[in-house]
Amino acid sequence: MTKSELIDKLYSLFPELGSEKAHMVINLIVDKMAESLLNGERIEIRRLGSFALRHHKPRAAHNPKTGQKLVAKEKYTVHFKPSKELKEAINEARDKGIPPGEE
């Protein structure tokens, strides 16, 4: 699902909200989530999962094209851990023979 599909779904469920406000709501949620992660905070959304930053130390690396050795800089990545409920729902659908995305 894309951001625009999410906005359309919100608008279809709450037409009184209006298209412009539905767009603002989704943007606000995404912006606040990004802001929280930038501040080093963990995000937990019940029944979906949690988002947190993971730190990766500098490491030895190489350019695969030239073979030149280099050092990869330290970096942070966003890690998503699905909730127990989400994992169970996915596995139940699999057990019923329903491919992901076709429920």
PDB file of N, CA and C in Angstrom:
ATOM      1  N   MET A   1       0.844  -1.169   0.000  1.00  0.00           N
ATOM      2  CA  MET A   1       0.000   0.000   0.000  1.00  0.00           C
ATOM      3  C   MET A   1       0.894   1.239   0.000  1.00  0.00           C
ATOM      4  N   THR A   2       0.569   2.163  -0.843  1.00  0.00           N
ATOM      5  CA  THR A   2       1.333   3.409  -0.916  1.00  0.00           C
ATOM      6  C   THR A   2       0.681   4.461  -0.021  1.00  0.00           C
ATOM      7  N   LYS A   3       1.401   5.543   0.198  1.00  0.00           N
ATOM      8  CA  LYS A   3       0.878   6.632   1.013  1.00  0.00           C
ATOM      9  C   LYS A   3      -0.408   7.196   0.405  1.00  0.00           C
ATOM     10  N   SER A   4      -0.438   7.361  -0.918  1.00  0.00           N
ATOM     11  CA  SER A   4      -1.639   7.908  -1.565  1.00  0.00           C
ATOM     12  C   SER A   4      -2.816   6.938  -1.447  1.00  0.00           C
ATOM     13  N   GLU A   5      -2.556   5.640  -1.486  1.00  0.00           N
ATOM     14  CA  GLU A   5      -3.629   4.655  -1.289  1.00  0.00           C
ATOM     15  C   GLU A   5      -4.174   4.725   0.137  1.00  0.00           C
ATOM     16  N   LEU A   6      -3.278   4.950   1.092  1.00  0.00           N
ATOM     17  CA  LEU A   6      -3.692   5.092   2.485  1.00  0.00           C
ATOM     18  C   LEU A   6      -4.555   6.342   2.660  1.00  0.00           C
ATOM     19  N   ILE A   7      -4.160   7.430   2.031  1.00  0.00           N
ATOM     20  CA  ILE A   7      -4.951   8.670   2.078  1.00  0.00           C
ATOM     21  C   ILE A   7      -6.326   8.437   1.466  1.00  0.00           C
ATOM     22  N   ASP A   8      -6.381   7.766   0.313  1.00  0.00           N
ATOM     23  CA  ASP A   8      -7.658   7.467  -0.348  1.00  0.00           C
ATOM     24  C   ASP A   8      -8.549   6.594   0.534  1.00  0.00           C
ATOM     25  N   LYS A   9      -7.948   5.618   1.214  1.00  0.00           N
ATOM     26  CA  LYS A   9      -8.710   4.722   2.094  1.00  0.00           C
ATOM     27  C   LYS A   9      -9.282   5.502   3.273  1.00  0.00           C
ATOM     28  N   LEU A  10      -8.473   6.377   3.869  1.00  0.00           N
ATOM     29  CA  LEU A  10      -8.942   7.208   4.976  1.00  0.00           C
ATOM     30  C   LEU A  10     -10.099   8.089   4.528  1.00  0.00           C
ATOM     31  N   TYR A  11      -9.956   8.689   3.355  1.00  0.00           N
ATOM     32  CA  TYR A  11     -11.009   9.554   2.814  1.00  0.00           C
ATOM     33  C   TYR A  11     -12.280   8.769   2.517  1.00  0.00           C
ATOM     34  N   SER A  12     -12.139   7.546   1.998  1.00  0.00           N
ATOM     35  CA  SER A  12     -13.327   6.741   1.689  1.00  0.00           C
ATOM     36  C   SER A  12     -14.059   6.302   2.962  1.00  0.00           C
ATOM     37  N   LEU A  13     -13.326   6.094   4.042  1.00  0.00           N
ATOM     38  CA  LEU A  13     -13.952   5.707   5.309  1.00  0.00           C
ATOM     39  C   LEU A  13     -14.559   6.909   6.040  1.00  0.00           C
ATOM     40  N   PHE A  14     -13.968   8.087   5.852  1.00  0.00           N
ATOM     41  CA  PHE A  14     -14.439   9.302   6.518  1.00  0.00           C
ATOM     42  C   PHE A  14     -14.567  10.439   5.506  1.00  0.00           C
ATOM     43  N   PRO A  15     -15.570  10.375   4.616  1.00  0.00           N
ATOM     44  CA  PRO A  15     -15.695  11.404   3.573  1.00  0.00           C
ATOM     45  C   PRO A  15     -15.936  12.799   4.145  1.00  0.00           C
ATOM     46  N   GLU A  16     -16.516  12.876   5.354  1.00  0.00           N
ATOM     47  CA  GLU A  16     -16.757  14.188   5.962  1.00  0.00           C
ATOM     48  C   GLU A  16     -15.445  14.903   6.311  1.00  0.00           C
ATOM     49  N   LEU A  17     -14.364  14.131   6.382  1.00  0.00           N
ATOM     50  CA  LEU A  17     -13.043  14.684   6.678  1.00  0.00           C
ATOM     51  C   LEU A  17     -12.545  15.557   5.525  1.00  0.00           C
ATOM     52  N   GLY A  18     -12.861  15.148   4.324  1.00  0.00           N
ATOM     53  CA  GLY A  18     -12.397  15.875   3.143  1.00  0.00           C
ATOM     54  C   GLY A  18     -11.033  15.360   2.698  1.00  0.00           C
ATOM     55  N   SER A  19     -10.777  15.430   1.423  1.00  0.00           N
ATOM     56  CA  SER A  19      -9.542  14.918   0.838  1.00  0.00           C
ATOM     57  C   SER A  19      -8.312  15.645   1.375  1.00  0.00           C
ATOM     58  N   GLU A  20      -8.419  16.964   1.490  1.00  0.00           N
ATOM     59  CA  GLU A  20      -7.284  17.772   1.954  1.00  0.00           C
ATOM     60  C   GLU A  20      -6.904  17.420   3.394  1.00  0.00           C
ATOM     61  N   LYS A  21      -7.891  17.259   4.256  1.00  0.00           N
ATOM     62  CA  LYS A  21      -7.614  16.933   5.662  1.00  0.00           C
ATOM     63  C   LYS A  21      -7.114  15.499   5.800  1.00  0.00           C
ATOM     64  N   ALA A  22      -7.617  14.582   4.986  1.00  0.00           N
ATOM     65  CA  ALA A  22      -7.127  13.197   5.015  1.00  0.00           C
ATOM     66  C   ALA A  22      -5.639  13.188   4.668  1.00  0.00           C
ATOM     67  N   HIS A  23      -5.263  13.987   3.686  1.00  0.00           N
ATOM     68  CA  HIS A  23      -3.860  14.107   3.286  1.00  0.00           C
ATOM     69  C   HIS A  23      -3.035  14.685   4.435  1.00  0.00           C
ATOM     70  N   MET A  24      -3.559  15.703   5.102  1.00  0.00           N
ATOM     71  CA  MET A  24      -2.856  16.326   6.223  1.00  0.00           C
ATOM     72  C   MET A  24      -2.680  15.348   7.393  1.00  0.00           C
ATOM     73  N   VAL A  25      -3.698  14.538   7.665  1.00  0.00           N
ATOM     74  CA  VAL A  25      -3.631  13.574   8.774  1.00  0.00           C
ATOM     75  C   VAL A  25      -2.520  12.561   8.532  1.00  0.00           C
ATOM     76  N   ILE A  26      -2.487  11.985   7.340  1.00  0.00           N
ATOM     77  CA  ILE A  26      -1.460  10.981   7.031  1.00  0.00           C
ATOM     78  C   ILE A  26      -0.076  11.618   7.069  1.00  0.00           C
ATOM     79  N   ASN A  27       0.070  12.810   6.506  1.00  0.00           N
ATOM     80  CA  ASN A  27       1.363  13.494   6.539  1.00  0.00           C
ATOM     81  C   ASN A  27       1.796  13.795   7.968  1.00  0.00           C
ATOM     82  N   LEU A  28       0.862  14.191   8.815  1.00  0.00           N
ATOM     83  CA  LEU A  28       1.178  14.472  10.209  1.00  0.00           C
ATOM     84  C   LEU A  28       1.689  13.216  10.916  1.00  0.00           C
ATOM     85  N   ILE A  29       1.029  12.105  10.702  1.00  0.00           N
ATOM     86  CA  ILE A  29       1.444  10.835  11.326  1.00  0.00           C
ATOM     87  C   ILE A  29       2.850  10.456  10.871  1.00  0.00           C
ATOM     88  N   VAL A  30       3.089  10.504   9.570  1.00  0.00           N
ATOM     89  CA  VAL A  30       4.403  10.142   9.024  1.00  0.00           C
ATOM     90  C   VAL A  30       5.484  11.098   9.537  1.00  0.00           C
ATOM     91  N   ASP A  31       5.180  12.390   9.542  1.00  0.00           N
ATOM     92  CA  ASP A  31       6.148  13.382  10.024  1.00  0.00           C
ATOM     93  C   ASP A  31       6.481  13.171  11.497  1.00  0.00           C
ATOM     94  N   LYS A  32       5.489  12.920  12.316  1.00  0.00           N
ATOM     95  CA  LYS A  32       5.725  12.715  13.753  1.00  0.00           C
ATOM     96  C   LYS A  32       6.496  11.426  14.007  1.00  0.00           C
ATOM     97  N   MET A  33       6.239  10.391  13.228  1.00  0.00           N
ATOM     98  CA  MET A  33       7.001   9.152  13.371  1.00  0.00           C
ATOM     99  C   MET A  33       8.470   9.398  13.018  1.00  0.00           C
ATOM    100  N   ALA A  34       8.715  10.094  11.922  1.00  0.00           N
ATOM    101  CA  ALA A  34      10.092  10.400  11.512  1.00  0.00           C
ATOM    102  C   ALA A  34      10.780  11.270  12.557  1.00  0.00           C
ATOM    103  N   GLU A  35      10.072  12.258  13.083  1.00  0.00           N
ATOM    104  CA  GLU A  35      10.634  13.141  14.099  1.00  0.00           C
ATOM    105  C   GLU A  35      11.016  12.352  15.359  1.00  0.00           C
ATOM    106  N   SER A  36      10.164  11.426  15.764  1.00  0.00           N
ATOM    107  CA  SER A  36      10.451  10.599  16.941  1.00  0.00           C
ATOM    108  C   SER A  36      11.698   9.754  16.721  1.00  0.00           C
ATOM    109  N   LEU A  37      11.813   9.150  15.553  1.00  0.00           N
ATOM    110  CA  LEU A  37      12.995   8.342  15.262  1.00  0.00           C
ATOM    111  C   LEU A  37      14.252   9.209  15.224  1.00  0.00           C
ATOM    112  N   LEU A  38      14.162  10.402  14.648  1.00  0.00           N
ATOM    113  CA  LEU A  38      15.309  11.310  14.599  1.00  0.00           C
ATOM    114  C   LEU A  38      15.752  11.723  16.002  1.00  0.00           C
ATOM    115  N   ASN A  39      14.813  11.741  16.951  1.00  0.00           N
ATOM    116  CA  ASN A  39      15.130  12.070  18.341  1.00  0.00           C
ATOM    117  C   ASN A  39      15.577  10.846  19.134  1.00  0.00           C
ATOM    118  N   GLY A  40      15.712   9.707  18.450  1.00  0.00           N
ATOM    119  CA  GLY A  40      16.172   8.488  19.109  1.00  0.00           C
ATOM    120  C   GLY A  40      15.101   7.763  19.885  1.00  0.00           C
ATOM    121  N   GLU A  41      13.845   8.133  19.684  1.00  0.00           N
ATOM    122  CA  GLU A  41      12.745   7.494  20.397  1.00  0.00           C
ATOM    123  C   GLU A  41      12.269   6.248  19.669  1.00  0.00           C
ATOM    124  N   ARG A  42      11.711   5.335  20.428  1.00  0.00           N
ATOM    125  CA  ARG A  42      11.135   4.108  19.887  1.00  0.00           C
ATOM    126  C   ARG A  42       9.652   4.367  19.642  1.00  0.00           C
ATOM    127  N   ILE A  43       9.102   3.791  18.577  1.00  0.00           N
ATOM    128  CA  ILE A  43       7.685   3.949  18.252  1.00  0.00           C
ATOM    129  C   ILE A  43       7.024   2.580  18.378  1.00  0.00           C
ATOM    130  N   GLU A  44       5.930   2.519  19.101  1.00  0.00           N
ATOM    131  CA  GLU A  44       5.190   1.263  19.231  1.00  0.00           C
ATOM    132  C   GLU A  44       3.744   1.505  18.837  1.00  0.00           C
ATOM    133  N   ILE A  45       3.276   0.727  17.876  1.00  0.00           N
ATOM    134  CA  ILE A  45       1.886   0.810  17.435  1.00  0.00           C
ATOM    135  C   ILE A  45       1.258  -0.556  17.713  1.00  0.00           C
ATOM    136  N   ARG A  46       0.346  -0.591  18.665  1.00  0.00           N
ATOM    137  CA  ARG A  46      -0.276  -1.850  19.063  1.00  0.00           C
ATOM    138  C   ARG A  46      -0.891  -2.547  17.848  1.00  0.00           C
ATOM    139  N   ARG A  47      -0.771  -3.865  17.845  1.00  0.00           N
ATOM    140  CA  ARG A  47      -1.287  -4.758  16.801  1.00  0.00           C
ATOM    141  C   ARG A  47      -0.523  -4.638  15.483  1.00  0.00           C
ATOM    142  N   LEU A  48       0.425  -3.691  15.374  1.00  0.00           N
ATOM    143  CA  LEU A  48       1.239  -3.579  14.164  1.00  0.00           C
ATOM    144  C   LEU A  48       2.683  -3.950  14.464  1.00  0.00           C
ATOM    145  N   GLY A  49       3.323  -3.221  15.368  1.00  0.00           N
ATOM    146  CA  GLY A  49       4.701  -3.520  15.715  1.00  0.00           C
ATOM    147  C   GLY A  49       5.411  -2.287  16.222  1.00  0.00           C
ATOM    148  N   SER A  50       6.739  -2.378  16.266  1.00  0.00           N
ATOM    149  CA  SER A  50       7.526  -1.260  16.778  1.00  0.00           C
ATOM    150  C   SER A  50       8.646  -0.906  15.808  1.00  0.00           C
ATOM    151  N   PHE A  51       9.019   0.363  15.847  1.00  0.00           N
ATOM    152  CA  PHE A  51      10.100   0.899  15.038  1.00  0.00           C
ATOM    153  C   PHE A  51      11.159   1.432  15.986  1.00  0.00           C
ATOM    154  N   ALA A  52      12.415   1.155  15.690  1.00  0.00           N
ATOM    155  CA  ALA A  52      13.512   1.671  16.509  1.00  0.00           C
ATOM    156  C   ALA A  52      14.739   1.841  15.630  1.00  0.00           C
ATOM    157  N   LEU A  53      15.663   2.669  16.086  1.00  0.00           N
ATOM    158  CA  LEU A  53      16.916   2.860  15.360  1.00  0.00           C
ATOM    159  C   LEU A  53      17.912   1.799  15.784  1.00  0.00           C
ATOM    160  N   ARG A  54      18.679   1.314  14.835  1.00  0.00           N
ATOM    161  CA  ARG A  54      19.778   0.393  15.116  1.00  0.00           C
ATOM    162  C   ARG A  54      21.068   1.057  14.668  1.00  0.00           C
ATOM    163  N   HIS A  55      22.073   1.002  15.527  1.00  0.00           N
ATOM    164  CA  HIS A  55      23.365   1.591  15.229  1.00  0.00           C
ATOM    165  C   HIS A  55      24.274   0.533  14.623  1.00  0.00           C
ATOM    166  N   HIS A  56      24.965   0.882  13.553  1.00  0.00           N
ATOM    167  CA  HIS A  56      25.928  -0.004  12.914  1.00  0.00           C
ATOM    168  C   HIS A  56      27.294   0.673  12.981  1.00  0.00           C
ATOM    169  N   LYS A  57      28.254  -0.005  13.589  1.00  0.00           N
ATOM    170  CA  LYS A  57      29.600   0.536  13.754  1.00  0.00           C
ATOM    171  C   LYS A  57      30.322   0.596  12.401  1.00  0.00           C
ATOM    172  N   PRO A  58      31.372   1.418  12.320  1.00  0.00           N
ATOM    173  CA  PRO A  58      32.176   1.425  11.089  1.00  0.00           C
ATOM    174  C   PRO A  58      32.767   0.029  10.862  1.00  0.00           C
ATOM    175  N   ARG A  59      32.931  -0.346   9.607  1.00  0.00           N
ATOM    176  CA  ARG A  59      33.460  -1.686   9.321  1.00  0.00           C
ATOM    177  C   ARG A  59      34.317  -1.652   8.065  1.00  0.00           C
ATOM    178  N   ALA A  60      35.162  -2.648   7.963  1.00  0.00           N
ATOM    179  CA  ALA A  60      35.993  -2.778   6.765  1.00  0.00           C
ATOM    180  C   ALA A  60      35.106  -3.228   5.611  1.00  0.00           C
ATOM    181  N   ALA A  61      35.299  -2.634   4.455  1.00  0.00           N
ATOM    182  CA  ALA A  61      34.506  -2.974   3.279  1.00  0.00           C
ATOM    183  C   ALA A  61      35.399  -2.869   2.048  1.00  0.00           C
ATOM    184  N   HIS A  62      34.804  -3.128   0.882  1.00  0.00           N
ATOM    185  CA  HIS A  62      35.560  -2.970  -0.362  1.00  0.00           C
ATOM    186  C   HIS A  62      34.604  -2.595  -1.483  1.00  0.00           C
ATOM    187  N   ASN A  63      35.144  -1.955  -2.495  1.00  0.00           N
ATOM    188  CA  ASN A  63      34.373  -1.615  -3.680  1.00  0.00           C
ATOM    189  C   ASN A  63      34.364  -2.862  -4.558  1.00  0.00           C
ATOM    190  N   PRO A  64      33.216  -3.476  -4.798  1.00  0.00           N
ATOM    191  CA  PRO A  64      33.182  -4.721  -5.569  1.00  0.00           C
ATOM    192  C   PRO A  64      33.654  -4.555  -7.021  1.00  0.00           C
ATOM    193  N   LYS A  65      33.530  -3.347  -7.537  1.00  0.00           N
ATOM    194  CA  LYS A  65      33.929  -3.105  -8.923  1.00  0.00           C
ATOM    195  C   LYS A  65      35.443  -3.056  -9.065  1.00  0.00           C
ATOM    196  N   THR A  66      36.090  -2.334  -8.134  1.00  0.00           N
ATOM    197  CA  THR A  66      37.540  -2.136  -8.250  1.00  0.00           C
ATOM    198  C   THR A  66      38.339  -2.977  -7.262  1.00  0.00           C
ATOM    199  N   GLY A  67      37.680  -3.481  -6.220  1.00  0.00           N
ATOM    200  CA  GLY A  67      38.388  -4.241  -5.202  1.00  0.00           C
ATOM    201  C   GLY A  67      39.087  -3.356  -4.189  1.00  0.00           C
ATOM    202  N   GLN A  68      38.955  -2.047  -4.334  1.00  0.00           N
ATOM    203  CA  GLN A  68      39.603  -1.111  -3.423  1.00  0.00           C
ATOM    204  C   GLN A  68      39.039  -1.264  -2.014  1.00  0.00           C
ATOM    205  N   LYS A  69      39.933  -1.322  -1.019  1.00  0.00           N
ATOM    206  CA  LYS A  69      39.506  -1.434   0.372  1.00  0.00           C
ATOM    207  C   LYS A  69      39.118  -0.052   0.883  1.00  0.00           C
ATOM    208  N   LEU A  70      38.079  -0.025   1.703  1.00  0.00           N
ATOM    209  CA  LEU A  70      37.632   1.212   2.301  1.00  0.00           C
ATOM    210  C   LEU A  70      36.961   0.913   3.635  1.00  0.00           C
ATOM    211  N   VAL A  71      36.585   1.943   4.340  1.00  0.00           N
ATOM    212  CA  VAL A  71      35.899   1.773   5.620  1.00  0.00           C
ATOM    213  C   VAL A  71      34.486   2.337   5.475  1.00  0.00           C
ATOM    214  N   ALA A  72      33.501   1.489   5.727  1.00  0.00           N
ATOM    215  CA  ALA A  72      32.114   1.942   5.688  1.00  0.00           C
ATOM    216  C   ALA A  72      31.853   2.741   6.959  1.00  0.00           C
ATOM    217  N   LYS A  73      31.292   3.916   6.816  1.00  0.00           N
ATOM    218  CA  LYS A  73      31.028   4.787   7.959  1.00  0.00           C
ATOM    219  C   LYS A  73      29.982   4.174   8.876  1.00  0.00           C
ATOM    220  N   GLU A  74      29.978   4.641  10.130  1.00  0.00           N
ATOM    221  CA  GLU A  74      28.922   4.208  11.031  1.00  0.00           C
ATOM    222  C   GLU A  74      27.599   4.764  10.512  1.00  0.00           C
ATOM    223  N   LYS A  75      26.521   4.064  10.808  1.00  0.00           N
ATOM    224  CA  LYS A  75      25.222   4.538  10.347  1.00  0.00           C
ATOM    225  C   LYS A  75      24.118   3.988  11.252  1.00  0.00           C
ATOM    226  N   TYR A  76      22.956   4.565  11.078  1.00  0.00           N
ATOM    227  CA  TYR A  76      21.764   4.103  11.776  1.00  0.00           C
ATOM    228  C   TYR A  76      20.784   3.611  10.720  1.00  0.00           C
ATOM    229  N   THR A  77      20.060   2.563  11.058  1.00  0.00           N
ATOM    230  CA  THR A  77      18.990   2.088  10.193  1.00  0.00           C
ATOM    231  C   THR A  77      17.729   1.956  11.034  1.00  0.00           C
ATOM    232  N   VAL A  78      16.584   2.013  10.388  1.00  0.00           N
ATOM    233  CA  VAL A  78      15.318   1.831  11.080  1.00  0.00           C
ATOM    234  C   VAL A  78      14.994   0.346  11.063  1.00  0.00           C
ATOM    235  N   HIS A  79      14.705  -0.173  12.244  1.00  0.00           N
ATOM    236  CA  HIS A  79      14.357  -1.587  12.379  1.00  0.00           C
ATOM    237  C   HIS A  79      12.883  -1.686  12.750  1.00  0.00           C
ATOM    238  N   PHE A  80      12.145  -2.547  12.038  1.00  0.00           N
ATOM    239  CA  PHE A  80      10.732  -2.799  12.343  1.00  0.00           C
ATOM    240  C   PHE A  80      10.599  -4.189  12.912  1.00  0.00           C
ATOM    241  N   LYS A  81       9.937  -4.304  14.045  1.00  0.00           N
ATOM    242  CA  LYS A  81       9.660  -5.602  14.650  1.00  0.00           C
ATOM    243  C   LYS A  81       8.144  -5.772  14.684  1.00  0.00           C
ATOM    244  N   PRO A  82       7.606  -6.731  13.916  1.00  0.00           N
ATOM    245  CA  PRO A  82       6.154  -6.915  13.898  1.00  0.00           C
ATOM    246  C   PRO A  82       5.640  -7.400  15.246  1.00  0.00           C
ATOM    247  N   SER A  83       4.392  -7.043  15.545  1.00  0.00           N
ATOM    248  CA  SER A  83       3.777  -7.478  16.796  1.00  0.00           C
ATOM    249  C   SER A  83       3.422  -8.960  16.712  1.00  0.00           C
ATOM    250  N   LYS A  84       3.191  -9.535  17.861  1.00  0.00           N
ATOM    251  CA  LYS A  84       2.787 -10.939  17.931  1.00  0.00           C
ATOM    252  C   LYS A  84       1.471 -11.142  17.170  1.00  0.00           C
ATOM    253  N   GLU A  85       0.523 -10.196  17.324  1.00  0.00           N
ATOM    254  CA  GLU A  85      -0.770 -10.301  16.644  1.00  0.00           C
ATOM    255  C   GLU A  85      -0.621 -10.288  15.129  1.00  0.00           C
ATOM    256  N   LEU A  86       0.271  -9.416  14.616  1.00  0.00           N
ATOM    257  CA  LEU A  86       0.486  -9.338  13.175  1.00  0.00           C
ATOM    258  C   LEU A  86       1.102 -10.630  12.647  1.00  0.00           C
ATOM    259  N   LYS A  87       2.098 -11.143  13.360  1.00  0.00           N
ATOM    260  CA  LYS A  87       2.728 -12.403  12.926  1.00  0.00           C
ATOM    261  C   LYS A  87       1.719 -13.542  12.925  1.00  0.00           C
ATOM    262  N   GLU A  88       0.871 -13.602  13.964  1.00  0.00           N
ATOM    263  CA  GLU A  88      -0.136 -14.667  14.035  1.00  0.00           C
ATOM    264  C   GLU A  88      -1.147 -14.551  12.896  1.00  0.00           C
ATOM    265  N   ALA A  89      -1.577 -13.329  12.585  1.00  0.00           N
ATOM    266  CA  ALA A  89      -2.541 -13.118  11.501  1.00  0.00           C
ATOM    267  C   ALA A  89      -1.955 -13.549  10.158  1.00  0.00           C
ATOM    268  N   ILE A  90      -0.692 -13.222   9.937  1.00  0.00           N
ATOM    269  CA  ILE A  90      -0.035 -13.609   8.683  1.00  0.00           C
ATOM    270  C   ILE A  90       0.073 -15.124   8.585  1.00  0.00           C
ATOM    271  N   ASN A  91       0.455 -15.761   9.685  1.00  0.00           N
ATOM    272  CA  ASN A  91       0.605 -17.220   9.673  1.00  0.00           C
ATOM    273  C   ASN A  91      -0.728 -17.942   9.572  1.00  0.00           C
ATOM    274  N   GLU A  92      -1.784 -17.384  10.180  1.00  0.00           N
ATOM    275  CA  GLU A  92      -3.120 -17.981  10.044  1.00  0.00           C
ATOM    276  C   GLU A  92      -3.586 -17.933   8.597  1.00  0.00           C
ATOM    277  N   ALA A  93      -3.348 -16.811   7.927  1.00  0.00           N
ATOM    278  CA  ALA A  93      -3.720 -16.683   6.514  1.00  0.00           C
ATOM    279  C   ALA A  93      -2.941 -17.701   5.681  1.00  0.00           C
ATOM    280  N   ARG A  94      -1.653 -17.860   5.997  1.00  0.00           N
ATOM    281  CA  ARG A  94      -0.822 -18.834   5.283  1.00  0.00           C
ATOM    282  C   ARG A  94      -1.353 -20.242   5.495  1.00  0.00           C
ATOM    283  N   ASP A  95      -1.732 -20.561   6.738  1.00  0.00           N
ATOM    284  CA  ASP A  95      -2.243 -21.893   7.049  1.00  0.00           C
ATOM    285  C   ASP A  95      -3.556 -22.187   6.329  1.00  0.00           C
ATOM    286  N   LYS A  96      -4.331 -21.133   6.041  1.00  0.00           N
ATOM    287  CA  LYS A  96      -5.587 -21.288   5.303  1.00  0.00           C
ATOM    288  C   LYS A  96      -5.344 -21.343   3.797  1.00  0.00           C
ATOM    289  N   GLY A  97      -4.092 -21.165   3.384  1.00  0.00           N
ATOM    290  CA  GLY A  97      -3.753 -21.210   1.966  1.00  0.00           C
ATOM    291  C   GLY A  97      -3.998 -19.906   1.257  1.00  0.00           C
ATOM    292  N   ILE A  98      -4.126 -18.828   2.008  1.00  0.00           N
ATOM    293  CA  ILE A  98      -4.347 -17.514   1.400  1.00  0.00           C
ATOM    294  C   ILE A  98      -3.008 -16.830   1.208  1.00  0.00           C
ATOM    295  N   PRO A  99      -2.603 -16.577  -0.032  1.00  0.00           N
ATOM    296  CA  PRO A  99      -1.328 -15.890  -0.257  1.00  0.00           C
ATOM    297  C   PRO A  99      -1.365 -14.478   0.327  1.00  0.00           C
ATOM    298  N   PRO A 100      -0.236 -13.949   0.770  1.00  0.00           N
ATOM    299  CA  PRO A 100      -0.202 -12.583   1.300  1.00  0.00           C
ATOM    300  C   PRO A 100      -0.781 -11.585   0.307  1.00  0.00           C
ATOM    301  N   GLY A 101      -1.605 -10.669   0.818  1.00  0.00           N
ATOM    302  CA  GLY A 101      -2.186  -9.630  -0.030  1.00  0.00           C
ATOM    303  C   GLY A 101      -3.485 -10.034  -0.710  1.00  0.00           C
ATOM    304  N   GLU A 102      -3.956 -11.251  -0.484  1.00  0.00           N
ATOM    305  CA  GLU A 102      -5.176 -11.695  -1.176  1.00  0.00           C
ATOM    306  C   GLU A 102      -6.285 -12.059  -0.199  1.00  0.00           C
ATOM    307  N   GLU A 103      -6.249 -11.518   1.006  1.00  0.00           N
ATOM    308  CA  GLU A 103      -7.270 -11.823   1.995  1.00  0.00           C
ATOM    309  C   GLU A 103      -8.550 -11.128   1.711  1.00  0.00           C
TER     310      GLU A 103
END
